[in-house]
Amino acid sequence: MRQSWNLLLVVLALGLSGCGYNNLQSSDEQTKASWSEVLNQYQRRADLVPNLVNTVKGYAAHEREVLAQVTEARSRVGGIQITPELVNDPEAFARFQAAQAQLSGALSRLMVVVENYPQLKADAIFRDLQAQLEGTENRIAVARNRYIKAVEAYNVTVRSFPSNLTAMVFGFKVKPNFSVENERAISTAPAVDFSAPPAQPQGSKPQPGY
């Protein structure tokens, strides 16, 4: 009896291996690891925002609209509940992606405004925060790219025969992926040129100290 049971287990194991079960498990684990890194880098960016906003406010408090946009965008990002099921829910994933894209856009607008404040650009704290933000944006781009590739590989396995039959039996489903019209533009870190002076309006004179 025991020998028959062991033989059945061996046959079952060989069958699962041959129909893609192991590949499904491996691909699924890779997407989870890649997603964790995406979340880690996005959280790193969100953690930089309060200090960045406060530093800019010290030099450009009247730029209320831009500062408010950044703060509100960060609040929306923080308001999304991150659960393991999010990567399997296309609507929830789309909301997450939209909130992160909104924060990216708000931060880019903030960097443009900063160009008009040479004293702020020269502030050591701001320069450090800007460098951290730029580095984080680059890491976000790398993490997103790895996740995109991991999900593509997983989805191909889920859809391909005969592993698609195994996927149906064990509940492996296609995962949503990042998809934007201009992935490169959104994932590129905001560029700030500290060497160039801000453009002066036509007909105006440079202010003392600038």
N, C-alpha and C. Protein backbone atom coordinates (compact mmCIF):
# COMPACT_ATOMS: atom_id res chain seq x y z
N MET A 1 0.83 -1.20 0.00
CA MET A 1 0.00 0.00 0.00
C MET A 1 0.87 1.25 0.00
N ARG A 2 1.89 1.23 0.89
CA ARG A 2 2.76 2.39 0.98
C ARG A 2 3.53 2.57 -0.32
N GLN A 3 3.97 1.43 -0.93
CA GLN A 3 4.71 1.51 -2.17
C GLN A 3 3.84 2.08 -3.29
N SER A 4 2.59 1.68 -3.31
CA SER A 4 1.66 2.19 -4.33
C SER A 4 1.45 3.69 -4.17
N TRP A 5 1.34 4.12 -2.91
CA TRP A 5 1.14 5.55 -2.63
C TRP A 5 2.36 6.36 -3.05
N ASN A 6 3.56 5.82 -2.75
CA ASN A 6 4.79 6.50 -3.15
C ASN A 6 4.91 6.58 -4.66
N LEU A 7 4.53 5.49 -5.33
CA LEU A 7 4.58 5.48 -6.79
C LEU A 7 3.63 6.52 -7.38
N LEU A 8 2.46 6.65 -6.76
CA LEU A 8 1.48 7.63 -7.20
C LEU A 8 2.02 9.04 -7.05
N LEU A 9 2.71 9.28 -5.94
CA LEU A 9 3.30 10.59 -5.71
C LEU A 9 4.37 10.91 -6.75
N VAL A 10 5.18 9.91 -7.09
CA VAL A 10 6.22 10.10 -8.09
C VAL A 10 5.61 10.43 -9.45
N VAL A 11 4.58 9.67 -9.82
CA VAL A 11 3.91 9.90 -11.11
C VAL A 11 3.28 11.28 -11.15
N LEU A 12 2.65 11.66 -10.02
CA LEU A 12 2.01 12.98 -9.94
C LEU A 12 3.04 14.08 -10.06
N ALA A 13 4.18 13.90 -9.38
CA ALA A 13 5.23 14.91 -9.42
C ALA A 13 5.78 15.06 -10.83
N LEU A 14 6.00 13.94 -11.50
CA LEU A 14 6.50 14.00 -12.87
C LEU A 14 5.49 14.65 -13.80
N GLY A 15 4.21 14.35 -13.54
CA GLY A 15 3.16 14.94 -14.37
C GLY A 15 3.07 16.44 -14.21
N LEU A 16 3.16 16.88 -12.96
CA LEU A 16 3.10 18.33 -12.70
C LEU A 16 4.29 19.04 -13.32
N SER A 17 5.46 18.42 -13.21
CA SER A 17 6.67 19.02 -13.78
C SER A 17 6.55 19.14 -15.29
N GLY A 18 5.99 18.09 -15.91
CA GLY A 18 5.89 18.09 -17.35
C GLY A 18 4.85 19.04 -17.88
N CYS A 19 3.85 19.41 -17.08
CA CYS A 19 2.80 20.30 -17.58
C CYS A 19 3.00 21.74 -17.13
N GLY A 20 4.18 22.07 -16.64
CA GLY A 20 4.50 23.47 -16.38
C GLY A 20 4.24 23.98 -14.98
N TYR A 21 3.88 23.08 -14.06
CA TYR A 21 3.56 23.55 -12.71
C TYR A 21 4.76 24.23 -12.05
N ASN A 22 5.93 23.61 -12.18
CA ASN A 22 7.13 24.20 -11.58
C ASN A 22 7.46 25.56 -12.19
N ASN A 23 7.29 25.68 -13.49
CA ASN A 23 7.54 26.96 -14.15
C ASN A 23 6.57 28.03 -13.67
N LEU A 24 5.33 27.63 -13.47
CA LEU A 24 4.33 28.58 -12.96
C LEU A 24 4.71 29.07 -11.57
N GLN A 25 5.10 28.15 -10.72
CA GLN A 25 5.50 28.52 -9.36
C GLN A 25 6.71 29.45 -9.38
N SER A 26 7.70 29.09 -10.19
CA SER A 26 8.92 29.90 -10.28
C SER A 26 8.63 31.29 -10.82
N SER A 27 7.82 31.37 -11.86
CA SER A 27 7.48 32.67 -12.45
C SER A 27 6.67 33.53 -11.49
N ASP A 28 5.75 32.88 -10.77
CA ASP A 28 4.93 33.60 -9.81
C ASP A 28 5.79 34.20 -8.69
N GLU A 29 6.74 33.42 -8.20
CA GLU A 29 7.62 33.91 -7.14
C GLU A 29 8.49 35.06 -7.64
N GLN A 30 8.89 35.00 -8.90
CA GLN A 30 9.71 36.08 -9.47
C GLN A 30 8.92 37.37 -9.57
N THR A 31 7.64 37.26 -9.94
CA THR A 31 6.82 38.47 -10.02
C THR A 31 6.62 39.07 -8.63
N LYS A 32 6.47 38.23 -7.62
CA LYS A 32 6.30 38.72 -6.26
C LYS A 32 7.54 39.46 -5.78
N ALA A 33 8.71 38.89 -6.06
CA ALA A 33 9.96 39.53 -5.65
C ALA A 33 10.16 40.85 -6.39
N SER A 34 9.85 40.87 -7.67
CA SER A 34 9.99 42.10 -8.46
C SER A 34 9.01 43.17 -8.00
N TRP A 35 7.80 42.75 -7.65
CA TRP A 35 6.80 43.70 -7.17
C TRP A 35 7.21 44.30 -5.83
N SER A 36 7.79 43.50 -4.97
CA SER A 36 8.25 44.00 -3.67
C SER A 36 9.29 45.10 -3.86
N GLU A 37 10.16 44.94 -4.84
CA GLU A 37 11.18 45.96 -5.09
C GLU A 37 10.55 47.23 -5.66
N VAL A 38 9.54 47.09 -6.51
CA VAL A 38 8.82 48.27 -7.02
C VAL A 38 8.22 49.05 -5.86
N LEU A 39 7.53 48.34 -4.96
CA LEU A 39 6.91 49.00 -3.81
C LEU A 39 7.96 49.65 -2.92
N ASN A 40 9.08 49.00 -2.73
CA ASN A 40 10.15 49.53 -1.89
C ASN A 40 10.66 50.86 -2.43
N GLN A 41 10.87 50.95 -3.73
CA GLN A 41 11.39 52.18 -4.32
C GLN A 41 10.33 53.28 -4.34
N TYR A 42 9.07 52.92 -4.60
CA TYR A 42 8.01 53.93 -4.55
C TYR A 42 7.85 54.48 -3.13
N GLN A 43 7.97 53.61 -2.14
CA GLN A 43 7.87 54.06 -0.75
C GLN A 43 9.04 54.98 -0.41
N ARG A 44 10.20 54.67 -0.90
CA ARG A 44 11.38 55.51 -0.69
C ARG A 44 11.13 56.92 -1.23
N ARG A 45 10.51 56.99 -2.41
CA ARG A 45 10.20 58.30 -2.99
C ARG A 45 9.18 59.04 -2.14
N ALA A 46 8.13 58.33 -1.73
CA ALA A 46 7.10 58.97 -0.92
C ALA A 46 7.67 59.52 0.38
N ASP A 47 8.64 58.81 0.95
CA ASP A 47 9.25 59.27 2.20
C ASP A 47 10.07 60.55 2.01
N LEU A 48 10.55 60.80 0.81
CA LEU A 48 11.33 62.00 0.54
C LEU A 48 10.46 63.24 0.38
N VAL A 49 9.21 63.04 -0.01
CA VAL A 49 8.35 64.17 -0.39
C VAL A 49 8.15 65.20 0.73
N PRO A 50 7.81 64.81 1.97
CA PRO A 50 7.57 65.83 3.00
C PRO A 50 8.77 66.76 3.22
N ASN A 51 9.97 66.21 3.32
CA ASN A 51 11.15 67.04 3.52
C ASN A 51 11.42 67.92 2.31
N LEU A 52 11.17 67.36 1.12
CA LEU A 52 11.38 68.13 -0.10
C LEU A 52 10.42 69.32 -0.16
N VAL A 53 9.16 69.07 0.13
CA VAL A 53 8.15 70.14 0.11
C VAL A 53 8.47 71.21 1.15
N ASN A 54 8.84 70.80 2.35
CA ASN A 54 9.16 71.76 3.41
C ASN A 54 10.38 72.61 3.06
N THR A 55 11.37 72.00 2.42
CA THR A 55 12.56 72.76 2.03
C THR A 55 12.23 73.78 0.96
N VAL A 56 11.45 73.38 -0.04
CA VAL A 56 11.05 74.32 -1.09
C VAL A 56 10.19 75.42 -0.51
N LYS A 57 9.31 75.07 0.42
CA LYS A 57 8.41 76.06 1.03
C LYS A 57 9.21 77.14 1.74
N GLY A 58 10.36 76.80 2.28
CA GLY A 58 11.18 77.78 2.98
C GLY A 58 11.68 78.89 2.08
N TYR A 59 11.78 78.61 0.77
CA TYR A 59 12.26 79.62 -0.18
C TYR A 59 11.16 80.11 -1.11
N ALA A 60 10.12 79.31 -1.28
CA ALA A 60 9.09 79.65 -2.27
C ALA A 60 7.72 79.32 -1.72
N ALA A 61 7.41 79.91 -0.57
CA ALA A 61 6.14 79.60 0.10
C ALA A 61 4.93 80.00 -0.75
N HIS A 62 5.11 81.00 -1.64
CA HIS A 62 3.97 81.47 -2.42
C HIS A 62 3.64 80.54 -3.60
N GLU A 63 4.48 79.52 -3.83
CA GLU A 63 4.18 78.54 -4.88
C GLU A 63 3.21 77.50 -4.33
N ARG A 64 2.11 78.00 -3.79
CA ARG A 64 1.18 77.14 -3.06
C ARG A 64 0.58 76.05 -3.95
N GLU A 65 0.23 76.41 -5.17
CA GLU A 65 -0.47 75.46 -6.04
C GLU A 65 0.40 74.23 -6.33
N VAL A 66 1.66 74.47 -6.70
CA VAL A 66 2.55 73.37 -7.02
C VAL A 66 2.84 72.52 -5.79
N LEU A 67 3.08 73.20 -4.65
CA LEU A 67 3.36 72.47 -3.41
C LEU A 67 2.14 71.64 -3.00
N ALA A 68 0.95 72.21 -3.19
CA ALA A 68 -0.27 71.48 -2.83
C ALA A 68 -0.46 70.27 -3.73
N GLN A 69 -0.11 70.40 -5.02
CA GLN A 69 -0.26 69.28 -5.94
C GLN A 69 0.62 68.11 -5.53
N VAL A 70 1.85 68.42 -5.10
CA VAL A 70 2.76 67.36 -4.68
C VAL A 70 2.23 66.68 -3.42
N THR A 71 1.80 67.50 -2.46
CA THR A 71 1.29 66.96 -1.20
C THR A 71 0.05 66.10 -1.42
N GLU A 72 -0.87 66.59 -2.27
CA GLU A 72 -2.10 65.84 -2.55
C GLU A 72 -1.80 64.54 -3.29
N ALA A 73 -0.85 64.60 -4.23
CA ALA A 73 -0.51 63.39 -4.98
C ALA A 73 0.10 62.35 -4.05
N ARG A 74 0.94 62.79 -3.13
CA ARG A 74 1.52 61.85 -2.17
C ARG A 74 0.44 61.25 -1.28
N SER A 75 -0.54 62.07 -0.91
CA SER A 75 -1.64 61.59 -0.08
C SER A 75 -2.44 60.51 -0.80
N ARG A 76 -2.66 60.68 -2.10
CA ARG A 76 -3.41 59.69 -2.87
C ARG A 76 -2.63 58.37 -2.94
N VAL A 77 -1.32 58.50 -3.11
CA VAL A 77 -0.49 57.29 -3.13
C VAL A 77 -0.59 56.55 -1.80
N GLY A 78 -0.49 57.31 -0.70
CA GLY A 78 -0.57 56.70 0.62
C GLY A 78 -1.94 56.15 0.95
N GLY A 79 -2.96 56.64 0.26
CA GLY A 79 -4.32 56.20 0.54
C GLY A 79 -4.69 54.89 -0.13
N ILE A 80 -3.84 54.40 -1.01
CA ILE A 80 -4.11 53.13 -1.69
C ILE A 80 -3.62 51.98 -0.83
N GLN A 81 -4.51 51.07 -0.50
CA GLN A 81 -4.16 49.93 0.33
C GLN A 81 -3.40 48.91 -0.49
N ILE A 82 -2.15 48.67 -0.09
CA ILE A 82 -1.31 47.72 -0.81
C ILE A 82 -1.49 46.33 -0.20
N THR A 83 -2.10 45.45 -0.97
CA THR A 83 -2.31 44.07 -0.53
C THR A 83 -1.72 43.13 -1.58
N PRO A 84 -1.46 41.87 -1.21
CA PRO A 84 -0.95 40.91 -2.20
C PRO A 84 -1.88 40.73 -3.39
N GLU A 85 -3.19 40.97 -3.17
CA GLU A 85 -4.15 40.78 -4.24
C GLU A 85 -4.11 41.90 -5.27
N LEU A 86 -3.47 43.02 -4.94
CA LEU A 86 -3.47 44.17 -5.84
C LEU A 86 -2.90 43.82 -7.21
N VAL A 87 -1.84 43.01 -7.23
CA VAL A 87 -1.20 42.67 -8.51
C VAL A 87 -2.06 41.75 -9.36
N ASN A 88 -3.12 41.20 -8.79
CA ASN A 88 -4.01 40.33 -9.55
C ASN A 88 -5.33 41.01 -9.90
N ASP A 89 -5.49 42.26 -9.48
CA ASP A 89 -6.73 43.01 -9.71
C ASP A 89 -6.44 44.15 -10.68
N PRO A 90 -6.84 44.03 -11.95
CA PRO A 90 -6.54 45.05 -12.96
C PRO A 90 -7.00 46.46 -12.56
N GLU A 91 -8.18 46.57 -11.95
CA GLU A 91 -8.69 47.89 -11.59
C GLU A 91 -7.88 48.50 -10.46
N ALA A 92 -7.57 47.71 -9.44
CA ALA A 92 -6.76 48.21 -8.33
C ALA A 92 -5.36 48.56 -8.80
N PHE A 93 -4.81 47.73 -9.68
CA PHE A 93 -3.48 47.98 -10.21
C PHE A 93 -3.46 49.28 -11.01
N ALA A 94 -4.52 49.52 -11.79
CA ALA A 94 -4.61 50.74 -12.59
C ALA A 94 -4.68 51.97 -11.69
N ARG A 95 -5.42 51.87 -10.57
CA ARG A 95 -5.49 53.00 -9.64
C ARG A 95 -4.13 53.27 -9.01
N PHE A 96 -3.42 52.21 -8.67
CA PHE A 96 -2.08 52.36 -8.10
C PHE A 96 -1.17 53.05 -9.11
N GLN A 97 -1.21 52.58 -10.34
CA GLN A 97 -0.34 53.15 -11.37
C GLN A 97 -0.68 54.62 -11.63
N ALA A 98 -1.98 54.94 -11.67
CA ALA A 98 -2.40 56.32 -11.92
C ALA A 98 -1.94 57.25 -10.79
N ALA A 99 -2.04 56.78 -9.55
CA ALA A 99 -1.62 57.60 -8.41
C ALA A 99 -0.11 57.84 -8.44
N GLN A 100 0.66 56.83 -8.78
CA GLN A 100 2.11 57.00 -8.86
C GLN A 100 2.49 57.92 -10.01
N ALA A 101 1.79 57.82 -11.13
CA ALA A 101 2.05 58.69 -12.27
C ALA A 101 1.73 60.14 -11.92
N GLN A 102 0.67 60.35 -11.15
CA GLN A 102 0.30 61.70 -10.74
C GLN A 102 1.38 62.30 -9.85
N LEU A 103 1.93 61.50 -8.95
CA LEU A 103 3.01 61.99 -8.10
C LEU A 103 4.26 62.29 -8.92
N SER A 104 4.55 61.46 -9.90
CA SER A 104 5.69 61.71 -10.78
C SER A 104 5.53 63.05 -11.49
N GLY A 105 4.33 63.30 -12.01
CA GLY A 105 4.08 64.56 -12.71
C GLY A 105 4.18 65.76 -11.79
N ALA A 106 3.65 65.63 -10.57
CA ALA A 106 3.70 66.75 -9.62
C ALA A 106 5.14 67.06 -9.22
N LEU A 107 5.95 66.03 -9.02
CA LEU A 107 7.35 66.24 -8.67
C LEU A 107 8.11 66.88 -9.83
N SER A 108 7.79 66.50 -11.05
CA SER A 108 8.44 67.11 -12.21
C SER A 108 8.10 68.59 -12.30
N ARG A 109 6.85 68.95 -12.04
CA ARG A 109 6.46 70.37 -12.06
C ARG A 109 7.16 71.14 -10.94
N LEU A 110 7.32 70.49 -9.80
CA LEU A 110 8.02 71.14 -8.69
C LEU A 110 9.47 71.43 -9.07
N MET A 111 10.12 70.49 -9.74
CA MET A 111 11.50 70.70 -10.16
C MET A 111 11.64 71.84 -11.15
N VAL A 112 10.63 72.02 -12.00
CA VAL A 112 10.64 73.14 -12.94
C VAL A 112 10.55 74.47 -12.20
N VAL A 113 9.67 74.53 -11.20
CA VAL A 113 9.51 75.74 -10.41
C VAL A 113 10.81 76.10 -9.68
N VAL A 114 11.50 75.08 -9.21
CA VAL A 114 12.75 75.30 -8.46
C VAL A 114 13.78 76.06 -9.28
N GLU A 115 13.72 75.93 -10.60
CA GLU A 115 14.67 76.62 -11.46
C GLU A 115 14.63 78.14 -11.28
N ASN A 116 13.53 78.65 -10.79
CA ASN A 116 13.39 80.10 -10.61
C ASN A 116 13.94 80.60 -9.28
N TYR A 117 14.53 79.70 -8.48
CA TYR A 117 15.00 80.08 -7.14
C TYR A 117 16.45 79.63 -6.96
N PRO A 118 17.39 80.45 -7.43
CA PRO A 118 18.82 80.09 -7.33
C PRO A 118 19.28 79.82 -5.90
N GLN A 119 18.75 80.57 -4.95
CA GLN A 119 19.16 80.35 -3.56
C GLN A 119 18.71 78.99 -3.06
N LEU A 120 17.52 78.57 -3.49
CA LEU A 120 17.03 77.25 -3.12
C LEU A 120 17.90 76.16 -3.75
N LYS A 121 18.25 76.36 -5.03
CA LYS A 121 19.08 75.36 -5.72
C LYS A 121 20.45 75.23 -5.07
N ALA A 122 20.90 76.32 -4.43
CA ALA A 122 22.22 76.30 -3.78
C ALA A 122 22.17 75.74 -2.37
N ASP A 123 20.95 75.55 -1.83
CA ASP A 123 20.81 75.05 -0.47
C ASP A 123 21.28 73.60 -0.40
N ALA A 124 22.17 73.32 0.56
CA ALA A 124 22.77 71.99 0.67
C ALA A 124 21.72 70.91 0.94
N ILE A 125 20.74 71.23 1.79
CA ILE A 125 19.71 70.25 2.12
C ILE A 125 18.89 69.91 0.88
N PHE A 126 18.52 70.96 0.11
CA PHE A 126 17.73 70.70 -1.10
C PHE A 126 18.53 69.88 -2.10
N ARG A 127 19.79 70.23 -2.28
CA ARG A 127 20.62 69.51 -3.25
C ARG A 127 20.72 68.02 -2.88
N ASP A 128 20.83 67.75 -1.57
CA ASP A 128 20.89 66.36 -1.13
C ASP A 128 19.57 65.65 -1.40
N LEU A 129 18.45 66.33 -1.10
CA LEU A 129 17.14 65.73 -1.34
C LEU A 129 16.91 65.50 -2.84
N GLN A 130 17.32 66.47 -3.65
CA GLN A 130 17.15 66.33 -5.09
C GLN A 130 17.96 65.16 -5.63
N ALA A 131 19.18 65.00 -5.11
CA ALA A 131 20.03 63.88 -5.54
C ALA A 131 19.40 62.55 -5.13
N GLN A 132 18.84 62.50 -3.91
CA GLN A 132 18.17 61.27 -3.47
C GLN A 132 16.95 60.97 -4.33
N LEU A 133 16.20 62.02 -4.67
CA LEU A 133 15.01 61.84 -5.50
C LEU A 133 15.39 61.33 -6.88
N GLU A 134 16.41 61.93 -7.46
CA GLU A 134 16.84 61.50 -8.79
C GLU A 134 17.30 60.04 -8.77
N GLY A 135 18.08 59.68 -7.74
CA GLY A 135 18.53 58.30 -7.62
C GLY A 135 17.38 57.34 -7.44
N THR A 136 16.39 57.76 -6.65
CA THR A 136 15.21 56.90 -6.42
C THR A 136 14.39 56.74 -7.69
N GLU A 137 14.23 57.82 -8.45
CA GLU A 137 13.49 57.73 -9.71
C GLU A 137 14.18 56.76 -10.65
N ASN A 138 15.50 56.78 -10.68
CA ASN A 138 16.23 55.83 -11.53
C ASN A 138 16.00 54.40 -11.07
N ARG A 139 16.02 54.18 -9.73
CA ARG A 139 15.79 52.84 -9.21
C ARG A 139 14.36 52.38 -9.46
N ILE A 140 13.41 53.32 -9.43
CA ILE A 140 12.02 52.99 -9.76
C ILE A 140 11.94 52.49 -11.20
N ALA A 141 12.62 53.19 -12.10
CA ALA A 141 12.59 52.80 -13.51
C ALA A 141 13.15 51.38 -13.69
N VAL A 142 14.24 51.08 -13.00
CA VAL A 142 14.85 49.75 -13.10
C VAL A 142 13.91 48.69 -12.51
N ALA A 143 13.33 48.99 -11.34
CA ALA A 143 12.44 48.03 -10.68
C ALA A 143 11.19 47.78 -11.52
N ARG A 144 10.63 48.84 -12.09
CA ARG A 144 9.45 48.68 -12.95
C ARG A 144 9.78 47.81 -14.16
N ASN A 145 10.94 48.04 -14.76
CA ASN A 145 11.33 47.28 -15.94
C ASN A 145 11.48 45.80 -15.61
N ARG A 146 12.07 45.51 -14.46
CA ARG A 146 12.22 44.11 -14.05
C ARG A 146 10.86 43.47 -13.79
N TYR A 147 9.96 44.24 -13.19
CA TYR A 147 8.62 43.71 -12.92
C TYR A 147 7.88 43.45 -14.23
N ILE A 148 7.99 44.37 -15.17
CA ILE A 148 7.34 44.21 -16.47
C ILE A 148 7.80 42.92 -17.14
N LYS A 149 9.11 42.67 -17.12
CA LYS A 149 9.64 41.46 -17.74
C LYS A 149 9.20 40.21 -16.99
N ALA A 150 9.17 40.29 -15.65
CA ALA A 150 8.76 39.14 -14.85
C ALA A 150 7.30 38.78 -15.12
N VAL A 151 6.45 39.79 -15.22
CA VAL A 151 5.02 39.54 -15.48
C VAL A 151 4.83 39.01 -16.89
N GLU A 152 5.59 39.55 -17.84
CA GLU A 152 5.48 39.06 -19.22
C GLU A 152 5.81 37.56 -19.29
N ALA A 153 6.90 37.16 -18.60
CA ALA A 153 7.29 35.75 -18.60
C ALA A 153 6.22 34.89 -17.92
N TYR A 154 5.69 35.38 -16.81
CA TYR A 154 4.64 34.65 -16.09
C TYR A 154 3.39 34.51 -16.95
N ASN A 155 2.95 35.61 -17.57
CA ASN A 155 1.74 35.57 -18.38
C ASN A 155 1.87 34.65 -19.59
N VAL A 156 3.06 34.61 -20.18
CA VAL A 156 3.28 33.71 -21.30
C VAL A 156 3.11 32.26 -20.84
N THR A 157 3.63 31.93 -19.66
CA THR A 157 3.49 30.58 -19.13
C THR A 157 2.03 30.24 -18.84
N VAL A 158 1.30 31.19 -18.29
CA VAL A 158 -0.12 30.98 -17.97
C VAL A 158 -0.94 30.75 -19.22
N ARG A 159 -0.55 31.40 -20.32
CA ARG A 159 -1.35 31.32 -21.55
C ARG A 159 -0.92 30.21 -22.48
N SER A 160 0.27 29.66 -22.28
CA SER A 160 0.81 28.68 -23.22
C SER A 160 0.34 27.25 -22.90
N PHE A 161 0.15 26.46 -23.94
CA PHE A 161 -0.22 25.05 -23.77
C PHE A 161 1.05 24.23 -23.58
N PRO A 162 1.08 23.25 -22.67
CA PRO A 162 -0.04 22.76 -21.84
C PRO A 162 -0.09 23.41 -20.45
N SER A 163 0.84 24.33 -20.18
CA SER A 163 0.87 24.92 -18.85
C SER A 163 -0.40 25.73 -18.55
N ASN A 164 -1.12 26.16 -19.60
CA ASN A 164 -2.37 26.89 -19.35
C ASN A 164 -3.41 25.99 -18.69
N LEU A 165 -3.37 24.69 -18.98
CA LEU A 165 -4.30 23.76 -18.33
C LEU A 165 -3.97 23.64 -16.84
N THR A 166 -2.69 23.57 -16.55
CA THR A 166 -2.26 23.52 -15.15
C THR A 166 -2.64 24.81 -14.43
N ALA A 167 -2.48 25.92 -15.13
CA ALA A 167 -2.81 27.22 -14.53
C ALA A 167 -4.28 27.28 -14.16
N MET A 168 -5.14 26.75 -15.03
CA MET A 168 -6.58 26.75 -14.74
C MET A 168 -6.90 25.89 -13.53
N VAL A 169 -6.24 24.72 -13.45
CA VAL A 169 -6.51 23.80 -12.35
C VAL A 169 -6.09 24.39 -11.01
N PHE A 170 -4.94 25.05 -10.98
CA PHE A 170 -4.40 25.54 -9.72
C PHE A 170 -4.67 27.03 -9.48
N GLY A 171 -5.43 27.67 -10.35
CA GLY A 171 -5.85 29.04 -10.12
C GLY A 171 -4.84 30.11 -10.45
N PHE A 172 -3.86 29.81 -11.30
CA PHE A 172 -2.91 30.83 -11.74
C PHE A 172 -3.59 31.67 -12.84
N LYS A 173 -3.65 32.98 -12.64
CA LYS A 173 -4.32 33.85 -13.60
C LYS A 173 -3.35 34.90 -14.14
N VAL A 174 -3.70 35.42 -15.30
CA VAL A 174 -2.89 36.47 -15.92
C VAL A 174 -2.85 37.69 -15.00
N LYS A 175 -1.69 38.31 -14.86
CA LYS A 175 -1.53 39.48 -14.00
C LYS A 175 -1.51 40.75 -14.84
N PRO A 176 -2.07 41.85 -14.34
CA PRO A 176 -1.97 43.12 -15.05
C PRO A 176 -0.54 43.63 -15.01
N ASN A 177 -0.19 44.47 -15.96
CA ASN A 177 1.17 44.97 -16.03
C ASN A 177 1.16 46.48 -16.23
N PHE A 178 2.31 47.11 -16.00
CA PHE A 178 2.42 48.54 -16.26
C PHE A 178 2.26 48.78 -17.75
N SER A 179 1.43 49.73 -18.10
CA SER A 179 1.25 50.08 -19.51
C SER A 179 0.85 51.55 -19.60
N VAL A 180 1.73 52.35 -20.19
CA VAL A 180 1.45 53.76 -20.38
C VAL A 180 1.82 54.13 -21.80
N GLU A 181 1.31 55.26 -22.28
CA GLU A 181 1.59 55.68 -23.65
C GLU A 181 3.07 56.02 -23.82
N ASN A 182 3.67 56.60 -22.78
CA ASN A 182 5.08 56.97 -22.88
C ASN A 182 5.80 56.51 -21.64
N GLU A 183 6.10 55.22 -21.57
CA GLU A 183 6.75 54.63 -20.40
C GLU A 183 8.08 55.30 -20.11
N ARG A 184 8.86 55.59 -21.15
CA ARG A 184 10.18 56.17 -20.95
C ARG A 184 10.09 57.55 -20.33
N ALA A 185 9.14 58.37 -20.78
CA ALA A 185 9.02 59.74 -20.26
C ALA A 185 8.61 59.73 -18.80
N ILE A 186 7.67 58.87 -18.42
CA ILE A 186 7.18 58.86 -17.06
C ILE A 186 8.23 58.29 -16.10
N SER A 187 9.00 57.30 -16.56
CA SER A 187 9.95 56.66 -15.67
C SER A 187 11.30 57.35 -15.63
N THR A 188 11.47 58.45 -16.39
CA THR A 188 12.73 59.18 -16.38
C THR A 188 12.75 60.15 -15.20
N ALA A 189 13.85 60.18 -14.48
CA ALA A 189 13.97 61.06 -13.32
C ALA A 189 13.89 62.52 -13.75
N PRO A 190 13.24 63.37 -12.95
CA PRO A 190 13.18 64.79 -13.26
C PRO A 190 14.58 65.37 -13.40
N ALA A 191 14.81 66.14 -14.48
CA ALA A 191 16.13 66.71 -14.72
C ALA A 191 16.18 68.15 -14.23
N VAL A 192 17.19 68.47 -13.46
CA VAL A 192 17.39 69.84 -12.98
C VAL A 192 18.82 70.23 -13.27
N ASP A 193 19.01 71.30 -14.06
CA ASP A 193 20.34 71.76 -14.41
C ASP A 193 20.76 72.87 -13.46
N PHE A 194 21.64 72.55 -12.53
CA PHE A 194 22.07 73.53 -11.55
C PHE A 194 23.09 74.51 -12.12
N SER A 195 23.65 74.22 -13.29
CA SER A 195 24.68 75.09 -13.84
C SER A 195 24.12 76.26 -14.61
N ALA A 196 22.90 76.15 -15.09
CA ALA A 196 22.31 77.21 -15.91
C ALA A 196 21.47 78.15 -15.07
N PRO A 197 21.63 79.49 -15.23
CA PRO A 197 20.81 80.45 -14.48
C PRO A 197 19.40 80.44 -15.02
N PRO A 198 18.39 80.77 -14.20
CA PRO A 198 17.01 80.79 -14.67
C PRO A 198 16.81 81.86 -15.73
N ALA A 199 15.94 81.58 -16.68
CA ALA A 199 15.70 82.53 -17.76
C ALA A 199 15.00 83.77 -17.21
N GLN A 200 15.43 84.93 -17.64
CA GLN A 200 14.82 86.19 -17.21
C GLN A 200 13.74 86.60 -18.21
N PRO A 201 12.60 87.07 -17.72
CA PRO A 201 11.56 87.54 -18.63
C PRO A 201 12.11 88.65 -19.53
N GLN A 202 11.64 88.72 -20.75
CA GLN A 202 12.11 89.70 -21.70
C GLN A 202 11.85 91.11 -21.18
N GLY A 203 12.91 91.93 -21.19
CA GLY A 203 12.76 93.32 -20.76
C GLY A 203 13.03 93.52 -19.29
N SER A 204 13.23 92.43 -18.52
CA SER A 204 13.48 92.59 -17.08
C SER A 204 14.96 92.58 -16.82
N LYS A 205 15.36 93.04 -15.66
CA LYS A 205 16.75 93.08 -15.26
C LYS A 205 17.00 92.07 -14.16
N PRO A 206 18.22 91.49 -14.14
CA PRO A 206 18.52 90.54 -13.08
C PRO A 206 18.44 91.21 -11.71
N GLN A 207 17.92 90.49 -10.73
CA GLN A 207 17.81 91.01 -9.40
C GLN A 207 19.15 90.94 -8.69
N PRO A 208 19.43 91.84 -7.78
CA PRO A 208 20.69 91.83 -7.02
C PRO A 208 20.84 90.50 -6.32
N GLY A 209 22.07 90.00 -6.33
CA GLY A 209 22.34 88.74 -5.64
C GLY A 209 22.10 87.54 -6.52
N TYR A 210 21.50 87.69 -7.68
CA TYR A 210 21.26 86.58 -8.61
C TYR A 210 22.44 86.46 -9.55
